[in-house]
């Protein structure tokens, strides 16, 4: 009896966690060093999937993009320009 109650609770908790991950949060692992010194290779990020449905992306936000070529590969990048901005790279500096 106790075992079946525990199994039911674990199943409900697992379903809630799955729904939460699909619609609200995602764990992502950083691969690469392009975001140094702030974000390091191997860092784990908890990604809020819902926030940009409430507000626009702003300059200097950190975003995660799905790679269009390699399914399952994500890129972690910082927004440096918005539509209408002019971005200049001069001697390695933006």
N, C-alpha and C. Protein backbone atom coordinates (compact mmCIF):
# COMPACT_ATOMS: atom_id res chain seq x y z
N UNK A 1 0.82 -1.20 0.00
CA UNK A 1 0.00 0.00 0.00
C UNK A 1 0.86 1.26 0.00
N UNK A 2 1.81 1.33 0.93
CA UNK A 2 2.70 2.48 1.00
C UNK A 2 3.53 2.61 -0.26
N UNK A 3 3.98 1.48 -0.78
CA UNK A 3 4.78 1.48 -2.00
C UNK A 3 3.99 2.01 -3.19
N UNK A 4 2.74 1.65 -3.31
CA UNK A 4 1.92 2.13 -4.43
C UNK A 4 1.63 3.62 -4.29
N UNK A 5 1.45 4.12 -3.07
CA UNK A 5 1.27 5.56 -2.86
C UNK A 5 2.53 6.33 -3.24
N UNK A 6 3.67 5.80 -2.84
CA UNK A 6 4.95 6.43 -3.16
C UNK A 6 5.19 6.42 -4.67
N UNK A 7 4.88 5.32 -5.32
CA UNK A 7 5.05 5.23 -6.77
C UNK A 7 4.14 6.23 -7.47
N UNK A 8 2.91 6.39 -7.00
CA UNK A 8 1.99 7.37 -7.58
C UNK A 8 2.49 8.78 -7.41
N UNK A 9 3.02 9.10 -6.22
CA UNK A 9 3.58 10.43 -5.97
C UNK A 9 4.79 10.69 -6.86
N UNK A 10 5.65 9.70 -7.00
CA UNK A 10 6.83 9.86 -7.86
C UNK A 10 6.42 10.05 -9.32
N UNK A 11 5.42 9.34 -9.76
CA UNK A 11 4.94 9.49 -11.13
C UNK A 11 4.37 10.89 -11.36
N UNK A 12 3.57 11.39 -10.43
CA UNK A 12 3.02 12.74 -10.55
C UNK A 12 4.13 13.79 -10.54
N UNK A 13 5.11 13.62 -9.66
CA UNK A 13 6.23 14.56 -9.60
C UNK A 13 7.02 14.53 -10.91
N UNK A 14 7.23 13.35 -11.46
CA UNK A 14 7.96 13.23 -12.72
C UNK A 14 7.22 13.89 -13.87
N UNK A 15 5.90 13.73 -13.91
CA UNK A 15 5.10 14.35 -14.97
C UNK A 15 5.15 15.87 -14.83
N UNK A 16 5.03 16.39 -13.61
CA UNK A 16 5.11 17.83 -13.40
C UNK A 16 6.47 18.38 -13.80
N UNK A 17 7.52 17.67 -13.45
CA UNK A 17 8.87 18.08 -13.82
C UNK A 17 9.05 18.10 -15.33
N UNK A 18 8.54 17.10 -16.01
CA UNK A 18 8.63 17.04 -17.47
C UNK A 18 7.88 18.20 -18.11
N UNK A 19 6.67 18.48 -17.65
CA UNK A 19 5.89 19.60 -18.18
C UNK A 19 6.63 20.91 -17.93
N UNK A 20 7.19 21.07 -16.73
CA UNK A 20 7.92 22.28 -16.38
C UNK A 20 9.13 22.46 -17.29
N UNK A 21 9.86 21.38 -17.57
CA UNK A 21 11.04 21.47 -18.42
C UNK A 21 10.67 21.78 -19.86
N UNK A 22 9.62 21.19 -20.36
CA UNK A 22 9.22 21.40 -21.75
C UNK A 22 8.76 22.84 -21.98
N UNK A 23 8.03 23.41 -21.03
CA UNK A 23 7.42 24.71 -21.26
C UNK A 23 8.08 25.88 -20.53
N UNK A 24 8.84 25.66 -19.48
CA UNK A 24 9.32 26.78 -18.67
C UNK A 24 10.84 26.86 -18.57
N UNK A 25 11.49 25.80 -18.16
CA UNK A 25 12.93 25.84 -17.91
C UNK A 25 13.64 24.69 -18.61
N UNK A 26 14.90 24.93 -18.93
CA UNK A 26 15.71 23.90 -19.57
C UNK A 26 17.13 24.01 -19.02
N UNK A 27 17.75 22.89 -18.78
CA UNK A 27 19.15 22.87 -18.37
C UNK A 27 20.00 22.74 -19.62
N UNK A 28 21.00 23.62 -19.76
CA UNK A 28 21.87 23.59 -20.93
C UNK A 28 23.32 23.62 -20.46
N UNK A 29 24.17 22.86 -21.12
CA UNK A 29 25.60 22.81 -20.79
C UNK A 29 26.37 23.56 -21.86
N UNK A 30 27.24 24.48 -21.44
CA UNK A 30 28.03 25.30 -22.36
C UNK A 30 29.19 24.48 -22.91
N UNK A 31 29.37 24.52 -24.21
CA UNK A 31 30.51 23.87 -24.87
C UNK A 31 31.26 24.94 -25.66
N UNK A 32 32.49 25.19 -25.29
CA UNK A 32 33.30 26.18 -25.99
C UNK A 32 33.63 27.35 -25.09
N UNK A 33 34.45 28.25 -25.63
CA UNK A 33 34.98 29.35 -24.82
C UNK A 33 34.62 30.72 -25.37
N UNK A 34 33.65 30.81 -26.25
CA UNK A 34 33.35 32.10 -26.88
C UNK A 34 32.73 33.11 -25.92
N UNK A 35 32.25 32.67 -24.77
CA UNK A 35 31.62 33.59 -23.82
C UNK A 35 32.52 33.92 -22.63
N UNK A 36 33.80 33.53 -22.70
CA UNK A 36 34.74 33.87 -21.63
C UNK A 36 34.87 35.39 -21.54
N UNK A 37 35.08 35.97 -20.39
CA UNK A 37 35.37 35.37 -19.09
C UNK A 37 34.13 35.11 -18.24
N UNK A 38 32.94 35.44 -18.74
CA UNK A 38 31.73 35.33 -17.91
C UNK A 38 31.18 33.92 -17.82
N UNK A 39 31.14 33.21 -18.94
CA UNK A 39 30.58 31.86 -18.98
C UNK A 39 31.66 30.93 -19.51
N UNK A 40 31.93 29.85 -18.79
CA UNK A 40 33.04 28.96 -19.12
C UNK A 40 32.56 27.65 -19.74
N UNK A 41 33.46 27.00 -20.46
CA UNK A 41 33.19 25.68 -21.03
C UNK A 41 32.80 24.73 -19.90
N UNK A 42 31.69 24.04 -20.07
CA UNK A 42 31.23 23.10 -19.06
C UNK A 42 30.26 23.69 -18.05
N UNK A 43 30.09 25.02 -18.04
CA UNK A 43 29.11 25.62 -17.13
C UNK A 43 27.72 25.12 -17.47
N UNK A 44 26.90 25.03 -16.47
CA UNK A 44 25.51 24.62 -16.66
C UNK A 44 24.63 25.85 -16.49
N UNK A 45 23.72 26.05 -17.44
CA UNK A 45 22.82 27.19 -17.40
C UNK A 45 21.39 26.71 -17.26
N UNK A 46 20.63 27.39 -16.43
CA UNK A 46 19.21 27.13 -16.32
C UNK A 46 18.52 28.17 -17.19
N UNK A 47 17.91 27.73 -18.27
CA UNK A 47 17.36 28.61 -19.30
C UNK A 47 15.88 28.82 -19.05
N UNK A 48 15.48 30.09 -19.00
CA UNK A 48 14.07 30.46 -18.87
C UNK A 48 13.48 30.58 -20.27
N UNK A 49 12.64 29.65 -20.65
CA UNK A 49 12.07 29.63 -21.99
C UNK A 49 10.91 30.61 -22.16
N UNK A 50 10.38 31.11 -21.07
CA UNK A 50 9.15 31.87 -21.11
C UNK A 50 9.35 33.39 -21.13
N UNK A 51 10.48 33.89 -20.64
CA UNK A 51 10.64 35.33 -20.41
C UNK A 51 10.52 36.17 -21.67
N UNK A 52 11.01 35.68 -22.81
CA UNK A 52 10.96 36.50 -24.02
C UNK A 52 9.59 36.50 -24.68
N UNK A 53 8.66 35.74 -24.15
CA UNK A 53 7.28 35.89 -24.63
C UNK A 53 6.61 37.07 -23.92
N UNK A 54 7.23 37.57 -22.84
CA UNK A 54 6.70 38.71 -22.09
C UNK A 54 7.41 40.01 -22.42
N UNK A 55 8.65 39.94 -22.90
CA UNK A 55 9.42 41.16 -23.19
C UNK A 55 10.34 40.90 -24.38
N UNK A 56 10.85 41.98 -24.94
CA UNK A 56 11.73 41.89 -26.10
C UNK A 56 13.16 41.57 -25.68
N UNK A 57 13.92 41.03 -26.61
CA UNK A 57 15.35 40.82 -26.40
C UNK A 57 16.02 42.18 -26.40
N UNK A 58 16.93 42.39 -25.46
CA UNK A 58 17.64 43.65 -25.35
C UNK A 58 19.13 43.44 -25.58
N UNK A 59 19.81 44.53 -25.90
CA UNK A 59 21.25 44.49 -26.11
C UNK A 59 21.93 43.96 -24.84
N UNK A 60 22.91 43.10 -25.01
CA UNK A 60 23.71 42.46 -23.96
C UNK A 60 23.01 41.30 -23.26
N UNK A 61 21.79 40.95 -23.67
CA UNK A 61 21.15 39.74 -23.14
C UNK A 61 21.94 38.52 -23.60
N UNK A 62 21.99 37.50 -22.77
CA UNK A 62 22.57 36.22 -23.17
C UNK A 62 21.42 35.36 -23.68
N UNK A 63 21.59 34.82 -24.88
CA UNK A 63 20.53 34.02 -25.50
C UNK A 63 21.09 32.66 -25.89
N UNK A 64 20.21 31.69 -26.04
CA UNK A 64 20.59 30.36 -26.50
C UNK A 64 19.87 30.10 -27.80
N UNK A 65 20.64 29.76 -28.83
CA UNK A 65 20.11 29.52 -30.17
C UNK A 65 20.30 28.06 -30.54
N UNK A 66 19.31 27.49 -31.17
CA UNK A 66 19.44 26.12 -31.68
C UNK A 66 20.19 26.15 -33.00
N UNK A 67 21.16 25.28 -33.16
CA UNK A 67 21.93 25.19 -34.39
C UNK A 67 21.04 24.64 -35.50
N UNK A 68 20.93 25.35 -36.63
CA UNK A 68 20.06 24.85 -37.71
C UNK A 68 20.63 23.63 -38.43
N UNK A 69 21.94 23.41 -38.33
CA UNK A 69 22.59 22.31 -39.04
C UNK A 69 22.68 21.05 -38.18
N UNK A 70 23.08 21.21 -36.92
CA UNK A 70 23.26 20.08 -36.01
C UNK A 70 22.14 20.06 -34.97
N UNK A 71 21.20 19.16 -35.15
CA UNK A 71 20.08 19.06 -34.21
C UNK A 71 20.60 18.67 -32.83
N UNK A 72 20.09 19.35 -31.82
CA UNK A 72 20.51 19.07 -30.46
C UNK A 72 21.69 19.89 -29.99
N UNK A 73 22.29 20.69 -30.90
CA UNK A 73 23.41 21.55 -30.53
C UNK A 73 22.87 22.97 -30.34
N UNK A 74 23.19 23.57 -29.21
CA UNK A 74 22.77 24.94 -28.92
C UNK A 74 23.98 25.84 -28.84
N UNK A 75 23.79 27.11 -29.21
CA UNK A 75 24.83 28.12 -29.09
C UNK A 75 24.43 29.11 -28.00
N UNK A 76 25.37 29.46 -27.13
CA UNK A 76 25.16 30.48 -26.11
C UNK A 76 25.89 31.72 -26.59
N UNK A 77 25.14 32.81 -26.79
CA UNK A 77 25.73 34.04 -27.33
C UNK A 77 25.15 35.25 -26.61
N UNK A 78 25.86 36.38 -26.73
CA UNK A 78 25.40 37.65 -26.18
C UNK A 78 24.92 38.53 -27.33
N UNK A 79 23.79 39.20 -27.14
CA UNK A 79 23.23 40.09 -28.15
C UNK A 79 24.04 41.38 -28.14
N UNK A 80 24.67 41.73 -29.26
CA UNK A 80 25.45 42.96 -29.34
C UNK A 80 24.78 44.02 -30.20
N UNK A 81 23.81 43.62 -31.00
CA UNK A 81 23.11 44.59 -31.83
C UNK A 81 21.66 44.19 -32.03
N UNK A 82 20.85 45.19 -32.27
CA UNK A 82 19.43 45.00 -32.50
C UNK A 82 19.10 45.49 -33.91
N UNK A 83 17.93 45.14 -34.43
CA UNK A 83 17.57 45.61 -35.77
C UNK A 83 17.72 47.13 -35.89
N UNK A 84 18.41 47.56 -36.94
CA UNK A 84 18.66 48.98 -37.16
C UNK A 84 20.00 49.45 -36.65
N UNK A 85 20.67 48.68 -35.79
CA UNK A 85 21.99 49.05 -35.28
C UNK A 85 23.04 48.81 -36.35
N UNK A 86 24.12 49.56 -36.27
CA UNK A 86 25.28 49.35 -37.13
C UNK A 86 26.39 48.79 -36.26
N UNK A 87 26.85 47.59 -36.59
CA UNK A 87 27.89 46.91 -35.81
C UNK A 87 29.22 47.05 -36.55
N UNK A 88 30.24 47.51 -35.85
CA UNK A 88 31.56 47.70 -36.45
C UNK A 88 32.58 46.88 -35.66
N UNK A 89 33.37 46.09 -36.37
CA UNK A 89 34.47 45.35 -35.77
C UNK A 89 35.75 46.03 -36.21
N UNK A 90 36.46 46.67 -35.25
CA UNK A 90 37.67 47.42 -35.56
C UNK A 90 38.82 46.87 -34.74
N UNK A 91 39.78 46.23 -35.42
CA UNK A 91 40.95 45.63 -34.77
C UNK A 91 40.56 44.68 -33.64
N UNK A 92 39.55 43.87 -33.92
CA UNK A 92 39.13 42.86 -32.96
C UNK A 92 38.18 43.33 -31.88
N UNK A 93 37.78 44.59 -31.92
CA UNK A 93 36.85 45.12 -30.91
C UNK A 93 35.57 45.57 -31.57
N UNK A 94 34.45 45.26 -30.90
CA UNK A 94 33.14 45.71 -31.40
C UNK A 94 32.89 47.13 -31.01
